[in-house]
Amino acid sequence: MNLMKELLEQNASLKPPKIGDIVEGKVILKKAFAIYLDLGVFGTGVIYGKELQKSKKRTERIKNRR
């Protein structure tokens, strides 16, 4: 078994998120059409389209980091 596979199996926090998972991240940038999030080792996440429209009330209070 290779080392990376073993590490991923041992540490659940290193498993990449799947479609439908709820994840947390720091807001990098908020635009009218998308919110960009820093997801750490998993890279950048983007909320847009239906998901952004569904969560409009929750995302209104999010501000860009400067």
PDB file of N, CA and C in Angstrom:
ATOM      1  N   MET A   1       0.852  -1.181   0.000  1.00  0.00           N
ATOM      2  CA  MET A   1       0.000   0.000   0.000  1.00  0.00           C
ATOM      3  C   MET A   1       0.896   1.242   0.000  1.00  0.00           C
ATOM      4  N   ASN A   2       0.532   2.261  -0.783  1.00  0.00           N
ATOM      5  CA  ASN A   2       1.399   3.434  -0.821  1.00  0.00           C
ATOM      6  C   ASN A   2       1.137   4.352   0.381  1.00  0.00           C
ATOM      7  N   LEU A   3       2.097   5.161   0.709  1.00  0.00           N
ATOM      8  CA  LEU A   3       2.060   5.996   1.902  1.00  0.00           C
ATOM      9  C   LEU A   3       0.903   6.981   1.897  1.00  0.00           C
ATOM     10  N   MET A   4       0.649   7.645   0.773  1.00  0.00           N
ATOM     11  CA  MET A   4      -0.431   8.629   0.714  1.00  0.00           C
ATOM     12  C   MET A   4      -1.776   7.969   0.992  1.00  0.00           C
ATOM     13  N   LYS A   5      -2.023   6.821   0.403  1.00  0.00           N
ATOM     14  CA  LYS A   5      -3.287   6.108   0.612  1.00  0.00           C
ATOM     15  C   LYS A   5      -3.448   5.743   2.087  1.00  0.00           C
ATOM     16  N   GLU A   6      -2.377   5.277   2.727  1.00  0.00           N
ATOM     17  CA  GLU A   6      -2.417   4.935   4.148  1.00  0.00           C
ATOM     18  C   GLU A   6      -2.738   6.160   5.008  1.00  0.00           C
ATOM     19  N   LEU A   7      -2.101   7.276   4.710  1.00  0.00           N
ATOM     20  CA  LEU A   7      -2.358   8.501   5.475  1.00  0.00           C
ATOM     21  C   LEU A   7      -3.809   8.948   5.341  1.00  0.00           C
ATOM     22  N   LEU A   8      -4.342   8.888   4.134  1.00  0.00           N
ATOM     23  CA  LEU A   8      -5.734   9.283   3.914  1.00  0.00           C
ATOM     24  C   LEU A   8      -6.703   8.368   4.655  1.00  0.00           C
ATOM     25  N   GLU A   9      -6.406   7.088   4.691  1.00  0.00           N
ATOM     26  CA  GLU A   9      -7.268   6.140   5.389  1.00  0.00           C
ATOM     27  C   GLU A   9      -7.216   6.336   6.903  1.00  0.00           C
ATOM     28  N   GLN A  10      -6.078   6.749   7.433  1.00  0.00           N
ATOM     29  CA  GLN A  10      -5.921   6.919   8.874  1.00  0.00           C
ATOM     30  C   GLN A  10      -6.504   8.231   9.386  1.00  0.00           C
ATOM     31  N   ASN A  11      -6.542   9.246   8.554  1.00  0.00           N
ATOM     32  CA  ASN A  11      -6.967  10.567   9.008  1.00  0.00           C
ATOM     33  C   ASN A  11      -8.197  11.023   8.223  1.00  0.00           C
ATOM     34  N   ALA A  12      -9.363  10.946   8.865  1.00  0.00           N
ATOM     35  CA  ALA A  12     -10.622  11.301   8.199  1.00  0.00           C
ATOM     36  C   ALA A  12     -10.656  12.762   7.774  1.00  0.00           C
ATOM     37  N   SER A  13      -9.940  13.639   8.467  1.00  0.00           N
ATOM     38  CA  SER A  13      -9.966  15.061   8.118  1.00  0.00           C
ATOM     39  C   SER A  13      -9.244  15.342   6.805  1.00  0.00           C
ATOM     40  N   LEU A  14      -8.505  14.379   6.276  1.00  0.00           N
ATOM     41  CA  LEU A  14      -7.813  14.562   5.006  1.00  0.00           C
ATOM     42  C   LEU A  14      -8.617  14.031   3.823  1.00  0.00           C
ATOM     43  N   LYS A  15      -9.799  13.493   4.098  1.00  0.00           N
ATOM     44  CA  LYS A  15     -10.615  12.969   3.005  1.00  0.00           C
ATOM     45  C   LYS A  15     -11.307  14.136   2.303  1.00  0.00           C
ATOM     46  N   PRO A  16     -11.203  14.192   0.988  1.00  0.00           N
ATOM     47  CA  PRO A  16     -11.825  15.306   0.254  1.00  0.00           C
ATOM     48  C   PRO A  16     -13.342  15.276   0.400  1.00  0.00           C
ATOM     49  N   PRO A  17     -13.958  16.447   0.403  1.00  0.00           N
ATOM     50  CA  PRO A  17     -15.418  16.498   0.510  1.00  0.00           C
ATOM     51  C   PRO A  17     -16.075  15.916  -0.736  1.00  0.00           C
ATOM     52  N   LYS A  18     -17.284  15.377  -0.526  1.00  0.00           N
ATOM     53  CA  LYS A  18     -18.066  14.816  -1.622  1.00  0.00           C
ATOM     54  C   LYS A  18     -19.218  15.761  -1.934  1.00  0.00           C
ATOM     55  N   ILE A  19     -19.827  15.590  -3.064  1.00  0.00           N
ATOM     56  CA  ILE A  19     -20.998  16.388  -3.428  1.00  0.00           C
ATOM     57  C   ILE A  19     -22.058  16.200  -2.355  1.00  0.00           C
ATOM     58  N   GLY A  20     -22.579  17.301  -1.876  1.00  0.00           N
ATOM     59  CA  GLY A  20     -23.616  17.271  -0.843  1.00  0.00           C
ATOM     60  C   GLY A  20     -23.080  17.453   0.566  1.00  0.00           C
ATOM     61  N   ASP A  21     -21.760  17.304   0.771  1.00  0.00           N
ATOM     62  CA  ASP A  21     -21.162  17.519   2.093  1.00  0.00           C
ATOM     63  C   ASP A  21     -21.226  18.994   2.460  1.00  0.00           C
ATOM     64  N   ILE A  22     -21.365  19.263   3.741  1.00  0.00           N
ATOM     65  CA  ILE A  22     -21.296  20.629   4.244  1.00  0.00           C
ATOM     66  C   ILE A  22     -19.886  20.837   4.766  1.00  0.00           C
ATOM     67  N   VAL A  23     -19.225  21.878   4.265  1.00  0.00           N
ATOM     68  CA  VAL A  23     -17.853  22.167   4.666  1.00  0.00           C
ATOM     69  C   VAL A  23     -17.748  23.605   5.158  1.00  0.00           C
ATOM     70  N   GLU A  24     -16.697  23.888   5.887  1.00  0.00           N
ATOM     71  CA  GLU A  24     -16.438  25.245   6.366  1.00  0.00           C
ATOM     72  C   GLU A  24     -15.155  25.752   5.745  1.00  0.00           C
ATOM     73  N   GLY A  25     -15.113  27.051   5.489  1.00  0.00           N
ATOM     74  CA  GLY A  25     -13.919  27.660   4.945  1.00  0.00           C
ATOM     75  C   GLY A  25     -13.957  29.161   5.160  1.00  0.00           C
ATOM     76  N   LYS A  26     -12.821  29.789   5.010  1.00  0.00           N
ATOM     77  CA  LYS A  26     -12.745  31.250   5.134  1.00  0.00           C
ATOM     78  C   LYS A  26     -13.124  31.887   3.808  1.00  0.00           C
ATOM     79  N   VAL A  27     -13.910  32.951   3.894  1.00  0.00           N
ATOM     80  CA  VAL A  27     -14.314  33.657   2.682  1.00  0.00           C
ATOM     81  C   VAL A  27     -13.109  34.411   2.125  1.00  0.00           C
ATOM     82  N   ILE A  28     -12.799  34.169   0.870  1.00  0.00           N
ATOM     83  CA  ILE A  28     -11.720  34.864   0.180  1.00  0.00           C
ATOM     84  C   ILE A  28     -12.282  36.091  -0.524  1.00  0.00           C
ATOM     85  N   LEU A  29     -13.410  35.882  -1.219  1.00  0.00           N
ATOM     86  CA  LEU A  29     -13.993  36.958  -2.018  1.00  0.00           C
ATOM     87  C   LEU A  29     -15.488  36.721  -2.174  1.00  0.00           C
ATOM     88  N   LYS A  30     -16.247  37.796  -2.042  1.00  0.00           N
ATOM     89  CA  LYS A  30     -17.690  37.708  -2.270  1.00  0.00           C
ATOM     90  C   LYS A  30     -18.040  38.628  -3.430  1.00  0.00           C
ATOM     91  N   LYS A  31     -18.701  38.068  -4.414  1.00  0.00           N
ATOM     92  CA  LYS A  31     -19.195  38.807  -5.575  1.00  0.00           C
ATOM     93  C   LYS A  31     -20.709  38.626  -5.622  1.00  0.00           C
ATOM     94  N   ALA A  32     -21.358  39.372  -6.489  1.00  0.00           N
ATOM     95  CA  ALA A  32     -22.813  39.262  -6.629  1.00  0.00           C
ATOM     96  C   ALA A  32     -23.223  37.872  -7.112  1.00  0.00           C
ATOM     97  N   PHE A  33     -22.359  37.207  -7.872  1.00  0.00           N
ATOM     98  CA  PHE A  33     -22.705  35.931  -8.489  1.00  0.00           C
ATOM     99  C   PHE A  33     -21.994  34.725  -7.875  1.00  0.00           C
ATOM    100  N   ALA A  34     -21.035  34.944  -6.943  1.00  0.00           N
ATOM    101  CA  ALA A  34     -20.290  33.815  -6.379  1.00  0.00           C
ATOM    102  C   ALA A  34     -19.586  34.207  -5.086  1.00  0.00           C
ATOM    103  N   ILE A  35     -19.345  33.209  -4.249  1.00  0.00           N
ATOM    104  CA  ILE A  35     -18.540  33.384  -3.039  1.00  0.00           C
ATOM    105  C   ILE A  35     -17.398  32.374  -3.132  1.00  0.00           C
ATOM    106  N   TYR A  36     -16.177  32.850  -2.962  1.00  0.00           N
ATOM    107  CA  TYR A  36     -14.985  32.002  -3.033  1.00  0.00           C
ATOM    108  C   TYR A  36     -14.486  31.740  -1.616  1.00  0.00           C
ATOM    109  N   LEU A  37     -14.212  30.464  -1.323  1.00  0.00           N
ATOM    110  CA  LEU A  37     -13.799  30.046   0.012  1.00  0.00           C
ATOM    111  C   LEU A  37     -12.439  29.361  -0.014  1.00  0.00           C
ATOM    112  N   ASP A  38     -11.644  29.604   1.018  1.00  0.00           N
ATOM    113  CA  ASP A  38     -10.380  28.886   1.212  1.00  0.00           C
ATOM    114  C   ASP A  38     -10.705  27.624   1.998  1.00  0.00           C
ATOM    115  N   LEU A  39     -10.527  26.465   1.379  1.00  0.00           N
ATOM    116  CA  LEU A  39     -10.814  25.189   2.017  1.00  0.00           C
ATOM    117  C   LEU A  39      -9.545  24.464   2.450  1.00  0.00           C
ATOM    118  N   GLY A  40      -8.514  25.233   2.706  1.00  0.00           N
ATOM    119  CA  GLY A  40      -7.261  24.656   3.205  1.00  0.00           C
ATOM    120  C   GLY A  40      -6.626  23.724   2.198  1.00  0.00           C
ATOM    121  N   VAL A  41      -6.322  22.494   2.628  1.00  0.00           N
ATOM    122  CA  VAL A  41      -5.618  21.540   1.770  1.00  0.00           C
ATOM    123  C   VAL A  41      -6.425  21.133   0.543  1.00  0.00           C
ATOM    124  N   PHE A  42      -7.716  21.410   0.545  1.00  0.00           N
ATOM    125  CA  PHE A  42      -8.557  21.037  -0.592  1.00  0.00           C
ATOM    126  C   PHE A  42      -8.664  22.129  -1.641  1.00  0.00           C
ATOM    127  N   GLY A  43      -8.032  23.273  -1.411  1.00  0.00           N
ATOM    128  CA  GLY A  43      -8.018  24.332  -2.414  1.00  0.00           C
ATOM    129  C   GLY A  43      -9.113  25.362  -2.195  1.00  0.00           C
ATOM    130  N   THR A  44      -9.623  25.891  -3.287  1.00  0.00           N
ATOM    131  CA  THR A  44     -10.631  26.945  -3.251  1.00  0.00           C
ATOM    132  C   THR A  44     -11.988  26.362  -3.596  1.00  0.00           C
ATOM    133  N   GLY A  45     -12.987  26.728  -2.798  1.00  0.00           N
ATOM    134  CA  GLY A  45     -14.358  26.321  -3.079  1.00  0.00           C
ATOM    135  C   GLY A  45     -15.138  27.507  -3.618  1.00  0.00           C
ATOM    136  N   VAL A  46     -16.152  27.232  -4.416  1.00  0.00           N
ATOM    137  CA  VAL A  46     -16.977  28.286  -5.000  1.00  0.00           C
ATOM    138  C   VAL A  46     -18.441  27.939  -4.762  1.00  0.00           C
ATOM    139  N   ILE A  47     -19.182  28.910  -4.241  1.00  0.00           N
ATOM    140  CA  ILE A  47     -20.628  28.764  -4.105  1.00  0.00           C
ATOM    141  C   ILE A  47     -21.248  29.673  -5.154  1.00  0.00           C
ATOM    142  N   TYR A  48     -22.067  29.114  -6.027  1.00  0.00           N
ATOM    143  CA  TYR A  48     -22.701  29.914  -7.066  1.00  0.00           C
ATOM    144  C   TYR A  48     -23.976  29.221  -7.529  1.00  0.00           C
ATOM    145  N   GLY A  49     -24.684  29.844  -8.416  1.00  0.00           N
ATOM    146  CA  GLY A  49     -25.879  29.242  -8.993  1.00  0.00           C
ATOM    147  C   GLY A  49     -26.990  29.043  -7.981  1.00  0.00           C
ATOM    148  N   LYS A  50     -27.648  27.892  -8.055  1.00  0.00           N
ATOM    149  CA  LYS A  50     -28.787  27.584  -7.186  1.00  0.00           C
ATOM    150  C   LYS A  50     -28.407  27.623  -5.710  1.00  0.00           C
ATOM    151  N   GLU A  51     -27.221  27.110  -5.380  1.00  0.00           N
ATOM    152  CA  GLU A  51     -26.801  27.071  -3.982  1.00  0.00           C
ATOM    153  C   GLU A  51     -26.678  28.477  -3.406  1.00  0.00           C
ATOM    154  N   LEU A  52     -26.158  29.403  -4.188  1.00  0.00           N
ATOM    155  CA  LEU A  52     -26.027  30.789  -3.725  1.00  0.00           C
ATOM    156  C   LEU A  52     -27.407  31.423  -3.566  1.00  0.00           C
ATOM    157  N   GLN A  53     -28.285  31.181  -4.507  1.00  0.00           N
ATOM    158  CA  GLN A  53     -29.635  31.748  -4.427  1.00  0.00           C
ATOM    159  C   GLN A  53     -30.405  31.182  -3.238  1.00  0.00           C
ATOM    160  N   LYS A  54     -30.266  29.878  -2.968  1.00  0.00           N
ATOM    161  CA  LYS A  54     -30.958  29.239  -1.843  1.00  0.00           C
ATOM    162  C   LYS A  54     -30.496  29.799  -0.506  1.00  0.00           C
ATOM    163  N   SER A  55     -29.235  30.197  -0.420  1.00  0.00           N
ATOM    164  CA  SER A  55     -28.677  30.655   0.858  1.00  0.00           C
ATOM    165  C   SER A  55     -28.520  32.169   0.908  1.00  0.00           C
ATOM    166  N   LYS A  56     -29.250  32.903   0.086  1.00  0.00           N
ATOM    167  CA  LYS A  56     -29.116  34.356  -0.035  1.00  0.00           C
ATOM    168  C   LYS A  56     -29.207  35.066   1.319  1.00  0.00           C
ATOM    169  N   LYS A  57     -30.194  34.694   2.149  1.00  0.00           N
ATOM    170  CA  LYS A  57     -30.352  35.355   3.453  1.00  0.00           C
ATOM    171  C   LYS A  57     -29.139  35.120   4.350  1.00  0.00           C
ATOM    172  N   ARG A  58     -28.588  33.908   4.328  1.00  0.00           N
ATOM    173  CA  ARG A  58     -27.422  33.603   5.162  1.00  0.00           C
ATOM    174  C   ARG A  58     -26.158  34.279   4.658  1.00  0.00           C
ATOM    175  N   THR A  59     -26.049  34.445   3.349  1.00  0.00           N
ATOM    176  CA  THR A  59     -24.806  34.985   2.790  1.00  0.00           C
ATOM    177  C   THR A  59     -24.804  36.522   2.693  1.00  0.00           C
ATOM    178  N   GLU A  60     -25.937  37.157   2.955  1.00  0.00           N
ATOM    179  CA  GLU A  60     -25.990  38.616   2.873  1.00  0.00           C
ATOM    180  C   GLU A  60     -25.031  39.291   3.852  1.00  0.00           C
ATOM    181  N   ARG A  61     -24.830  38.691   5.017  1.00  0.00           N
ATOM    182  CA  ARG A  61     -23.988  39.317   6.041  1.00  0.00           C
ATOM    183  C   ARG A  61     -22.485  39.033   5.860  1.00  0.00           C
ATOM    184  N   ILE A  62     -22.138  38.221   4.880  1.00  0.00           N
ATOM    185  CA  ILE A  62     -20.726  37.919   4.607  1.00  0.00           C
ATOM    186  C   ILE A  62     -20.072  39.120   3.932  1.00  0.00           C
ATOM    187  N   LYS A  63     -18.896  39.462   4.407  1.00  0.00           N
ATOM    188  CA  LYS A  63     -18.155  40.588   3.826  1.00  0.00           C
ATOM    189  C   LYS A  63     -16.821  40.079   3.295  1.00  0.00           C
ATOM    190  N   ASN A  64     -16.286  40.769   2.304  1.00  0.00           N
ATOM    191  CA  ASN A  64     -14.957  40.446   1.772  1.00  0.00           C
ATOM    192  C   ASN A  64     -13.896  40.723   2.818  1.00  0.00           C
ATOM    193  N   ARG A  65     -12.874  39.880   2.850  1.00  0.00           N
ATOM    194  CA  ARG A  65     -11.707  40.138   3.711  1.00  0.00           C
ATOM    195  C   ARG A  65     -10.793  41.077   2.980  1.00  0.00           C
ATOM    196  N   ARG A  66     -10.301  42.048   3.663  1.00  0.00           N
ATOM    197  CA  ARG A  66      -9.361  42.983   3.042  1.00  0.00           C
ATOM    198  C   ARG A  66      -8.114  43.066   3.855  1.00  0.00           C
TER     199      ARG A  66
END
